[in-house]
Amino acid sequence: KNNPNDAWRPSGVPEQDFCSFLMPYYQKQ
């Protein structure tokens, strides 16, 4: 509720959604 940014919503393209989910993990690694 206190976060002004919009929550994540799927873009409709599974490849992009999958990459957006995995990229932060790979960057941390």
Full PDB file with SEQRES, HELIX, SHEET, SSBOND, CRYST1, ORIGX, SCALE, CONECT and MASTER records, all heavy atoms in Angstrom:
SEQRES   1 A   29  LYS ASN ASN PRO ASN ASP ALA TRP ARG PRO SER GLY VAL          
SEQRES   2 A   29  PRO GLU GLN ASP PHE CYS SER PHE LEU MET PRO TYR TYR          
SEQRES   3 A   29  GLN LYS GLN                                                  
HELIX    1 AA1 PRO A   14  LYS A   28  1                                  15    
CRYST1    1.000    1.000    1.000  90.00  90.00  90.00 P 1           1          
ORIGX1      1.000000  0.000000  0.000000        0.00000                         
ORIGX2      0.000000  1.000000  0.000000        0.00000                         
ORIGX3      0.000000  0.000000  1.000000        0.00000                         
SCALE1      1.000000  0.000000  0.000000        0.00000                         
SCALE2      0.000000  1.000000  0.000000        0.00000                         
SCALE3      0.000000  0.000000  1.000000        0.00000                         
ATOM      1  N   LYS A   1       0.825  -1.210   0.000  1.00  0.00           N  
ATOM      2  CA  LYS A   1       0.000   0.000   0.000  1.00  0.00           C  
ATOM      3  C   LYS A   1       0.857   1.257   0.000  1.00  0.00           C  
ATOM      4  O   LYS A   1       0.499   2.260  -0.625  1.00  0.00           O  
ATOM      5  CB  LYS A   1      -0.917  -0.014   1.225  1.00  0.00           C  
ATOM      6  CG  LYS A   1      -2.018  -1.053   1.165  1.00  0.00           C  
ATOM      7  CD  LYS A   1      -2.887  -0.989   2.415  1.00  0.00           C  
ATOM      8  CE  LYS A   1      -4.010  -2.019   2.353  1.00  0.00           C  
ATOM      9  NZ  LYS A   1      -4.864  -1.989   3.574  1.00  0.00           N  
ATOM     10  N   ASN A   2       1.988   1.211   0.701  1.00  0.00           N  
ATOM     11  CA  ASN A   2       2.864   2.375   0.772  1.00  0.00           C  
ATOM     12  C   ASN A   2       3.769   2.530  -0.444  1.00  0.00           C  
ATOM     13  O   ASN A   2       4.444   3.547  -0.579  1.00  0.00           O  
ATOM     14  CB  ASN A   2       3.725   2.297   2.038  1.00  0.00           C  
ATOM     15  CG  ASN A   2       2.881   2.329   3.302  1.00  0.00           C  
ATOM     16  OD1 ASN A   2       1.822   2.957   3.327  1.00  0.00           O  
ATOM     17  ND2 ASN A   2       3.339   1.656   4.345  1.00  0.00           N  
ATOM     18  N   ASN A   3       3.801   1.533  -1.310  1.00  0.00           N  
ATOM     19  CA  ASN A   3       4.665   1.588  -2.487  1.00  0.00           C  
ATOM     20  C   ASN A   3       3.945   2.338  -3.604  1.00  0.00           C  
ATOM     21  O   ASN A   3       2.886   1.889  -4.078  1.00  0.00           O  
ATOM     22  CB  ASN A   3       5.016   0.170  -2.941  1.00  0.00           C  
ATOM     23  CG  ASN A   3       6.081   0.165  -4.033  1.00  0.00           C  
ATOM     24  OD1 ASN A   3       6.642   1.207  -4.367  1.00  0.00           O  
ATOM     25  ND2 ASN A   3       6.349  -1.003  -4.586  1.00  0.00           N  
ATOM     26  N   PRO A   4       4.491   3.473  -4.055  1.00  0.00           N  
ATOM     27  CA  PRO A   4       3.794   4.225  -5.107  1.00  0.00           C  
ATOM     28  C   PRO A   4       3.897   3.581  -6.478  1.00  0.00           C  
ATOM     29  O   PRO A   4       3.107   3.867  -7.373  1.00  0.00           O  
ATOM     30  CB  PRO A   4       4.505   5.592  -5.094  1.00  0.00           C  
ATOM     31  CG  PRO A   4       5.888   5.273  -4.592  1.00  0.00           C  
ATOM     32  CD  PRO A   4       5.723   4.163  -3.603  1.00  0.00           C  
ATOM     33  N   ASN A   5       4.879   2.716  -6.676  1.00  0.00           N  
ATOM     34  CA  ASN A   5       5.075   2.079  -7.973  1.00  0.00           C  
ATOM     35  C   ASN A   5       4.007   1.015  -8.205  1.00  0.00           C  
ATOM     36  O   ASN A   5       3.491   0.397  -7.279  1.00  0.00           O  
ATOM     37  CB  ASN A   5       6.464   1.442  -8.057  1.00  0.00           C  
ATOM     38  CG  ASN A   5       7.566   2.480  -7.907  1.00  0.00           C  
ATOM     39  OD1 ASN A   5       7.423   3.615  -8.361  1.00  0.00           O  
ATOM     40  ND2 ASN A   5       8.660   2.091  -7.256  1.00  0.00           N  
ATOM     41  N   ASP A   6       3.705   0.842  -9.482  1.00  0.00           N  
ATOM     42  CA  ASP A   6       2.716  -0.172  -9.844  1.00  0.00           C  
ATOM     43  C   ASP A   6       3.295  -1.565  -9.650  1.00  0.00           C  
ATOM     44  O   ASP A   6       4.495  -1.797  -9.835  1.00  0.00           O  
ATOM     45  CB  ASP A   6       2.298   0.001 -11.311  1.00  0.00           C  
ATOM     46  CG  ASP A   6       1.567   1.326 -11.533  1.00  0.00           C  
ATOM     47  OD1 ASP A   6       0.966   1.825 -10.556  1.00  0.00           O  
ATOM     48  OD2 ASP A   6       1.609   1.847 -12.663  1.00  0.00           O  
ATOM     49  N   ALA A   7       2.441  -2.455  -9.269  1.00  0.00           N  
ATOM     50  CA  ALA A   7       2.869  -3.841  -9.086  1.00  0.00           C  
ATOM     51  C   ALA A   7       3.156  -4.476 -10.440  1.00  0.00           C  
ATOM     52  O   ALA A   7       2.671  -4.028 -11.484  1.00  0.00           O  
ATOM     53  CB  ALA A   7       1.796  -4.633  -8.351  1.00  0.00           C  
ATOM     54  N   TRP A   8       3.973  -5.515 -10.408  1.00  0.00           N  
ATOM     55  CA  TRP A   8       4.335  -6.184 -11.652  1.00  0.00           C  
ATOM     56  C   TRP A   8       3.141  -6.915 -12.238  1.00  0.00           C  
ATOM     57  O   TRP A   8       2.357  -7.537 -11.530  1.00  0.00           O  
ATOM     58  CB  TRP A   8       5.458  -7.183 -11.379  1.00  0.00           C  
ATOM     59  CG  TRP A   8       5.904  -7.926 -12.607  1.00  0.00           C  
ATOM     60  CD1 TRP A   8       6.807  -7.526 -13.521  1.00  0.00           C  
ATOM     61  CD2 TRP A   8       5.423  -9.201 -13.046  1.00  0.00           C  
ATOM     62  NE1 TRP A   8       6.942  -8.461 -14.515  1.00  0.00           N  
ATOM     63  CE2 TRP A   8       6.099  -9.509 -14.251  1.00  0.00           C  
ATOM     64  CE3 TRP A   8       4.487 -10.110 -12.544  1.00  0.00           C  
ATOM     65  CZ2 TRP A   8       5.883 -10.683 -14.958  1.00  0.00           C  
ATOM     66  CZ3 TRP A   8       4.250 -11.284 -13.250  1.00  0.00           C  
ATOM     67  CH2 TRP A   8       4.947 -11.559 -14.439  1.00  0.00           C  
ATOM     68  N   ARG A   9       2.997  -6.778 -13.530  1.00  0.00           N  
ATOM     69  CA  ARG A   9       1.941  -7.477 -14.246  1.00  0.00           C  
ATOM     70  C   ARG A   9       2.553  -8.156 -15.469  1.00  0.00           C  
ATOM     71  O   ARG A   9       3.508  -7.634 -16.058  1.00  0.00           O  
ATOM     72  CB  ARG A   9       0.846  -6.498 -14.715  1.00  0.00           C  
ATOM     73  CG  ARG A   9       0.044  -5.880 -13.582  1.00  0.00           C  
ATOM     74  CD  ARG A   9      -0.799  -6.919 -12.878  1.00  0.00           C  
ATOM     75  NE  ARG A   9      -1.632  -6.347 -11.835  1.00  0.00           N  
ATOM     76  CZ  ARG A   9      -1.246  -6.163 -10.584  1.00  0.00           C  
ATOM     77  NH1 ARG A   9      -0.018  -6.518 -10.231  1.00  0.00           N  
ATOM     78  NH2 ARG A   9      -2.052  -5.652  -9.696  1.00  0.00           N  
ATOM     79  N   PRO A  10       2.080  -9.320 -15.826  1.00  0.00           N  
ATOM     80  CA  PRO A  10       2.642 -10.004 -17.003  1.00  0.00           C  
ATOM     81  C   PRO A  10       2.385  -9.216 -18.272  1.00  0.00           C  
ATOM     82  O   PRO A  10       1.339  -8.585 -18.448  1.00  0.00           O  
ATOM     83  CB  PRO A  10       1.897 -11.346 -17.014  1.00  0.00           C  
ATOM     84  CG  PRO A  10       0.659 -11.114 -16.212  1.00  0.00           C  
ATOM     85  CD  PRO A  10       1.008 -10.106 -15.175  1.00  0.00           C  
ATOM     86  N   SER A  11       3.384  -9.237 -19.159  1.00  0.00           N  
ATOM     87  CA  SER A  11       3.281  -8.474 -20.408  1.00  0.00           C  
ATOM     88  C   SER A  11       2.513  -9.214 -21.483  1.00  0.00           C  
ATOM     89  O   SER A  11       2.130  -8.622 -22.487  1.00  0.00           O  
ATOM     90  CB  SER A  11       4.687  -8.147 -20.926  1.00  0.00           C  
ATOM     91  OG  SER A  11       5.395  -9.340 -21.221  1.00  0.00           O  
ATOM     92  N   GLY A  12       2.297 -10.494 -21.287  1.00  0.00           N  
ATOM     93  CA  GLY A  12       1.635 -11.293 -22.318  1.00  0.00           C  
ATOM     94  C   GLY A  12       2.605 -12.054 -23.184  1.00  0.00           C  
ATOM     95  O   GLY A  12       2.195 -12.926 -23.954  1.00  0.00           O  
ATOM     96  N   VAL A  13       3.903 -11.737 -23.075  1.00  0.00           N  
ATOM     97  CA  VAL A  13       4.939 -12.454 -23.820  1.00  0.00           C  
ATOM     98  C   VAL A  13       5.699 -13.313 -22.819  1.00  0.00           C  
ATOM     99  O   VAL A  13       6.443 -12.781 -21.989  1.00  0.00           O  
ATOM    100  CB  VAL A  13       5.891 -11.474 -24.541  1.00  0.00           C  
ATOM    101  CG1 VAL A  13       6.928 -12.247 -25.355  1.00  0.00           C  
ATOM    102  CG2 VAL A  13       5.092 -10.538 -25.438  1.00  0.00           C  
ATOM    103  N   PRO A  14       5.517 -14.603 -22.857  1.00  0.00           N  
ATOM    104  CA  PRO A  14       6.158 -15.450 -21.842  1.00  0.00           C  
ATOM    105  C   PRO A  14       7.672 -15.326 -21.812  1.00  0.00           C  
ATOM    106  O   PRO A  14       8.276 -15.377 -20.736  1.00  0.00           O  
ATOM    107  CB  PRO A  14       5.715 -16.869 -22.236  1.00  0.00           C  
ATOM    108  CG  PRO A  14       4.465 -16.676 -23.036  1.00  0.00           C  
ATOM    109  CD  PRO A  14       4.654 -15.371 -23.757  1.00  0.00           C  
ATOM    110  N   GLU A  15       8.293 -15.137 -22.984  1.00  0.00           N  
ATOM    111  CA  GLU A  15       9.755 -15.051 -23.012  1.00  0.00           C  
ATOM    112  C   GLU A  15      10.246 -13.837 -22.237  1.00  0.00           C  
ATOM    113  O   GLU A  15      11.191 -13.918 -21.439  1.00  0.00           O  
ATOM    114  CB  GLU A  15      10.267 -14.998 -24.460  1.00  0.00           C  
ATOM    115  CG  GLU A  15      10.056 -16.282 -25.247  1.00  0.00           C  
ATOM    116  CD  GLU A  15       8.638 -16.406 -25.776  1.00  0.00           C  
ATOM    117  OE1 GLU A  15       7.848 -15.460 -25.560  1.00  0.00           O  
ATOM    118  OE2 GLU A  15       8.318 -17.460 -26.373  1.00  0.00           O  
ATOM    119  N   GLN A  16       9.593 -12.698 -22.459  1.00  0.00           N  
ATOM    120  CA  GLN A  16       9.991 -11.481 -21.758  1.00  0.00           C  
ATOM    121  C   GLN A  16       9.731 -11.596 -20.257  1.00  0.00           C  
ATOM    122  O   GLN A  16      10.571 -11.195 -19.437  1.00  0.00           O  
ATOM    123  CB  GLN A  16       9.231 -10.285 -22.331  1.00  0.00           C  
ATOM    124  CG  GLN A  16       9.600  -9.956 -23.776  1.00  0.00           C  
ATOM    125  CD  GLN A  16       8.832  -8.753 -24.281  1.00  0.00           C  
ATOM    126  OE1 GLN A  16       8.057  -8.137 -23.560  1.00  0.00           O  
ATOM    127  NE2 GLN A  16       9.056  -8.413 -25.548  1.00  0.00           N  
ATOM    128  N   ASP A  17       8.581 -12.147 -19.895  1.00  0.00           N  
ATOM    129  CA  ASP A  17       8.274 -12.309 -18.473  1.00  0.00           C  
ATOM    130  C   ASP A  17       9.261 -13.251 -17.805  1.00  0.00           C  
ATOM    131  O   ASP A  17       9.718 -13.007 -16.677  1.00  0.00           O  
ATOM    132  CB  ASP A  17       6.847 -12.836 -18.304  1.00  0.00           C  
ATOM    133  CG  ASP A  17       5.815 -11.864 -18.842  1.00  0.00           C  
ATOM    134  OD1 ASP A  17       6.119 -10.655 -18.915  1.00  0.00           O  
ATOM    135  OD2 ASP A  17       4.708 -12.310 -19.192  1.00  0.00           O  
ATOM    136  N   PHE A  18       9.610 -14.309 -18.515  1.00  0.00           N  
ATOM    137  CA  PHE A  18      10.562 -15.269 -17.957  1.00  0.00           C  
ATOM    138  C   PHE A  18      11.931 -14.633 -17.795  1.00  0.00           C  
ATOM    139  O   PHE A  18      12.610 -14.823 -16.783  1.00  0.00           O  
ATOM    140  CB  PHE A  18      10.635 -16.494 -18.873  1.00  0.00           C  
ATOM    141  CG  PHE A  18      11.339 -17.658 -18.261  1.00  0.00           C  
ATOM    142  CD1 PHE A  18      10.796 -18.330 -17.179  1.00  0.00           C  
ATOM    143  CD2 PHE A  18      12.559 -18.083 -18.754  1.00  0.00           C  
ATOM    144  CE1 PHE A  18      11.444 -19.408 -16.610  1.00  0.00           C  
ATOM    145  CE2 PHE A  18      13.216 -19.156 -18.191  1.00  0.00           C  
ATOM    146  CZ  PHE A  18      12.661 -19.821 -17.119  1.00  0.00           C  
ATOM    147  N   CYS A  19      12.351 -13.850 -18.786  1.00  0.00           N  
ATOM    148  CA  CYS A  19      13.648 -13.166 -18.704  1.00  0.00           C  
ATOM    149  C   CYS A  19      13.651 -12.122 -17.595  1.00  0.00           C  
ATOM    150  O   CYS A  19      14.643 -11.983 -16.861  1.00  0.00           O  
ATOM    151  CB  CYS A  19      13.981 -12.522 -20.048  1.00  0.00           C  
ATOM    152  SG  CYS A  19      14.368 -13.698 -21.361  1.00  0.00           S  
ATOM    153  N   SER A  20      12.557 -11.388 -17.471  1.00  0.00           N  
ATOM    154  CA  SER A  20      12.493 -10.375 -16.418  1.00  0.00           C  
ATOM    155  C   SER A  20      12.519 -11.014 -15.036  1.00  0.00           C  
ATOM    156  O   SER A  20      12.969 -10.398 -14.070  1.00  0.00           O  
ATOM    157  CB  SER A  20      11.211  -9.541 -16.577  1.00  0.00           C  
ATOM    158  OG  SER A  20      10.063 -10.367 -16.404  1.00  0.00           O  
ATOM    159  N   PHE A  21      12.070 -12.241 -14.955  1.00  0.00           N  
ATOM    160  CA  PHE A  21      12.111 -12.946 -13.668  1.00  0.00           C  
ATOM    161  C   PHE A  21      13.500 -13.514 -13.391  1.00  0.00           C  
ATOM    162  O   PHE A  21      13.980 -13.495 -12.251  1.00  0.00           O  
ATOM    163  CB  PHE A  21      11.068 -14.073 -13.673  1.00  0.00           C  
ATOM    164  CG  PHE A  21      11.126 -14.934 -12.453  1.00  0.00           C  
ATOM    165  CD1 PHE A  21      10.623 -14.490 -11.240  1.00  0.00           C  
ATOM    166  CD2 PHE A  21      11.695 -16.195 -12.521  1.00  0.00           C  
ATOM    167  CE1 PHE A  21      10.682 -15.292 -10.117  1.00  0.00           C  
ATOM    168  CE2 PHE A  21      11.758 -17.005 -11.395  1.00  0.00           C  
ATOM    169  CZ  PHE A  21      11.244 -16.553 -10.197  1.00  0.00           C  
ATOM    170  N   LEU A  22      14.170 -14.007 -14.436  1.00  0.00           N  
ATOM    171  CA  LEU A  22      15.458 -14.666 -14.237  1.00  0.00           C  
ATOM    172  C   LEU A  22      16.636 -13.692 -14.240  1.00  0.00           C  
ATOM    173  O   LEU A  22      17.661 -13.975 -13.615  1.00  0.00           O  
ATOM    174  CB  LEU A  22      15.686 -15.718 -15.327  1.00  0.00           C  
ATOM    175  CG  LEU A  22      14.840 -16.989 -15.218  1.00  0.00           C  
ATOM    176  CD1 LEU A  22      15.178 -17.928 -16.368  1.00  0.00           C  
ATOM    177  CD2 LEU A  22      15.077 -17.690 -13.892  1.00  0.00           C  
ATOM    178  N   MET A  23      16.514 -12.566 -14.955  1.00  0.00           N  
ATOM    179  CA  MET A  23      17.650 -11.659 -15.082  1.00  0.00           C  
ATOM    180  C   MET A  23      18.145 -11.137 -13.730  1.00  0.00           C  
ATOM    181  O   MET A  23      19.351 -11.127 -13.476  1.00  0.00           O  
ATOM    182  CB  MET A  23      17.301 -10.490 -16.010  1.00  0.00           C  
ATOM    183  CG  MET A  23      17.369 -10.845 -17.483  1.00  0.00           C  
ATOM    184  SD  MET A  23      19.006 -11.458 -17.958  1.00  0.00           S  
ATOM    185  CE  MET A  23      19.997 -10.005 -17.670  1.00  0.00           C  
ATOM    186  N   PRO A  24      17.255 -10.680 -12.822  1.00  0.00           N  
ATOM    187  CA  PRO A  24      17.779 -10.241 -11.513  1.00  0.00           C  
ATOM    188  C   PRO A  24      18.511 -11.359 -10.776  1.00  0.00           C  
ATOM    189  O   PRO A  24      19.539 -11.110 -10.138  1.00  0.00           O  
ATOM    190  CB  PRO A  24      16.505  -9.818 -10.757  1.00  0.00           C  
ATOM    191  CG  PRO A  24      15.521  -9.485 -11.819  1.00  0.00           C  
ATOM    192  CD  PRO A  24      15.812 -10.418 -12.936  1.00  0.00           C  
ATOM    193  N   TYR A  25      18.024 -12.570 -10.904  1.00  0.00           N  
ATOM    194  CA  TYR A  25      18.707 -13.693 -10.249  1.00  0.00           C  
ATOM    195  C   TYR A  25      20.088 -13.912 -10.848  1.00  0.00           C  
ATOM    196  O   TYR A  25      21.075 -14.079 -10.119  1.00  0.00           O  
ATOM    197  CB  TYR A  25      17.843 -14.947 -10.388  1.00  0.00           C  
ATOM    198  CG  TYR A  25      18.534 -16.207  -9.931  1.00  0.00           C  
ATOM    199  CD1 TYR A  25      18.672 -16.493  -8.579  1.00  0.00           C  
ATOM    200  CD2 TYR A  25      19.050 -17.109 -10.856  1.00  0.00           C  
ATOM    201  CE1 TYR A  25      19.306 -17.648  -8.152  1.00  0.00           C  
ATOM    202  CE2 TYR A  25      19.690 -18.258 -10.440  1.00  0.00           C  
ATOM    203  CZ  TYR A  25      19.815 -18.535  -9.094  1.00  0.00           C  
ATOM    204  OH  TYR A  25      20.449 -19.675  -8.683  1.00  0.00           O  
ATOM    205  N   TYR A  26      20.164 -13.907 -12.172  1.00  0.00           N  
ATOM    206  CA  TYR A  26      21.460 -14.105 -12.828  1.00  0.00           C  
ATOM    207  C   TYR A  26      22.415 -12.944 -12.546  1.00  0.00           C  
ATOM    208  O   TYR A  26      23.635 -13.144 -12.418  1.00  0.00           O  
ATOM    209  CB  TYR A  26      21.271 -14.273 -14.330  1.00  0.00           C  
ATOM    210  CG  TYR A  26      20.712 -15.617 -14.727  1.00  0.00           C  
ATOM    211  CD1 TYR A  26      19.722 -15.737 -15.695  1.00  0.00           C  
ATOM    212  CD2 TYR A  26      21.183 -16.782 -14.124  1.00  0.00           C  
ATOM    213  CE1 TYR A  26      19.219 -16.976 -16.055  1.00  0.00           C  
ATOM    214  CE2 TYR A  26      20.673 -18.022 -14.478  1.00  0.00           C  
ATOM    215  CZ  TYR A  26      19.697 -18.111 -15.446  1.00  0.00           C  
ATOM    216  OH  TYR A  26      19.197 -19.340 -15.798  1.00  0.00           O  
ATOM    217  N   GLN A  27      21.879 -11.735 -12.456  1.00  0.00           N  
ATOM    218  CA  GLN A  27      22.740 -10.598 -12.137  1.00  0.00           C  
ATOM    219  C   GLN A  27      23.305 -10.720 -10.723  1.00  0.00           C  
ATOM    220  O   GLN A  27      24.481 -10.416 -10.489  1.00  0.00           O  
ATOM    221  CB  GLN A  27      21.938  -9.300 -12.289  1.00  0.00           C  
ATOM    222  CG  GLN A  27      21.626  -8.942 -13.734  1.00  0.00           C  
ATOM    223  CD  GLN A  27      20.727  -7.732 -13.847  1.00  0.00           C  
ATOM    224  OE1 GLN A  27      20.235  -7.215 -12.842  1.00  0.00           O  
ATOM    225  NE2 GLN A  27      20.489  -7.270 -15.069  1.00  0.00           N  
ATOM    226  N   LYS A  28      22.487 -11.164  -9.796  1.00  0.00           N  
ATOM    227  CA  LYS A  28      22.997 -11.387  -8.436  1.00  0.00           C  
ATOM    228  C   LYS A  28      24.059 -12.477  -8.429  1.00  0.00           C  
ATOM    229  O   LYS A  28      25.088 -12.348  -7.761  1.00  0.00           O  
ATOM    230  CB  LYS A  28      21.846 -11.763  -7.510  1.00  0.00           C  
ATOM    231  CG  LYS A  28      20.876 -10.627  -7.229  1.00  0.00           C  
ATOM    232  CD  LYS A  28      19.782 -11.080  -6.284  1.00  0.00           C  
ATOM    233  CE  LYS A  28      18.805  -9.954  -5.984  1.00  0.00           C  
ATOM    234  NZ  LYS A  28      17.709 -10.386  -5.072  1.00  0.00           N  
ATOM    235  N   GLN A  29      23.814 -13.527  -9.191  1.00  0.00           N  
ATOM    236  CA  GLN A  29      24.799 -14.601  -9.262  1.00  0.00           C  
ATOM    237  C   GLN A  29      26.094 -14.122  -9.908  1.00  0.00           C  
ATOM    238  O   GLN A  29      27.192 -14.494  -9.483  1.00  0.00           O  
ATOM    239  CB  GLN A  29      24.222 -15.779 -10.060  1.00  0.00           C  
ATOM    240  CG  GLN A  29      23.092 -16.509  -9.356  1.00  0.00           C  
ATOM    241  CD  GLN A  29      23.553 -17.169  -8.076  1.00  0.00           C  
ATOM    242  OE1 GLN A  29      24.628 -17.744  -8.009  1.00  0.00           O  
ATOM    243  NE2 GLN A  29      22.735 -17.075  -7.034  1.00  0.00           N  
TER     244      GLN A  29                                                      
MASTER        0    0    0    1    0    0    0    6  243    1    0    3          
END                                                                             
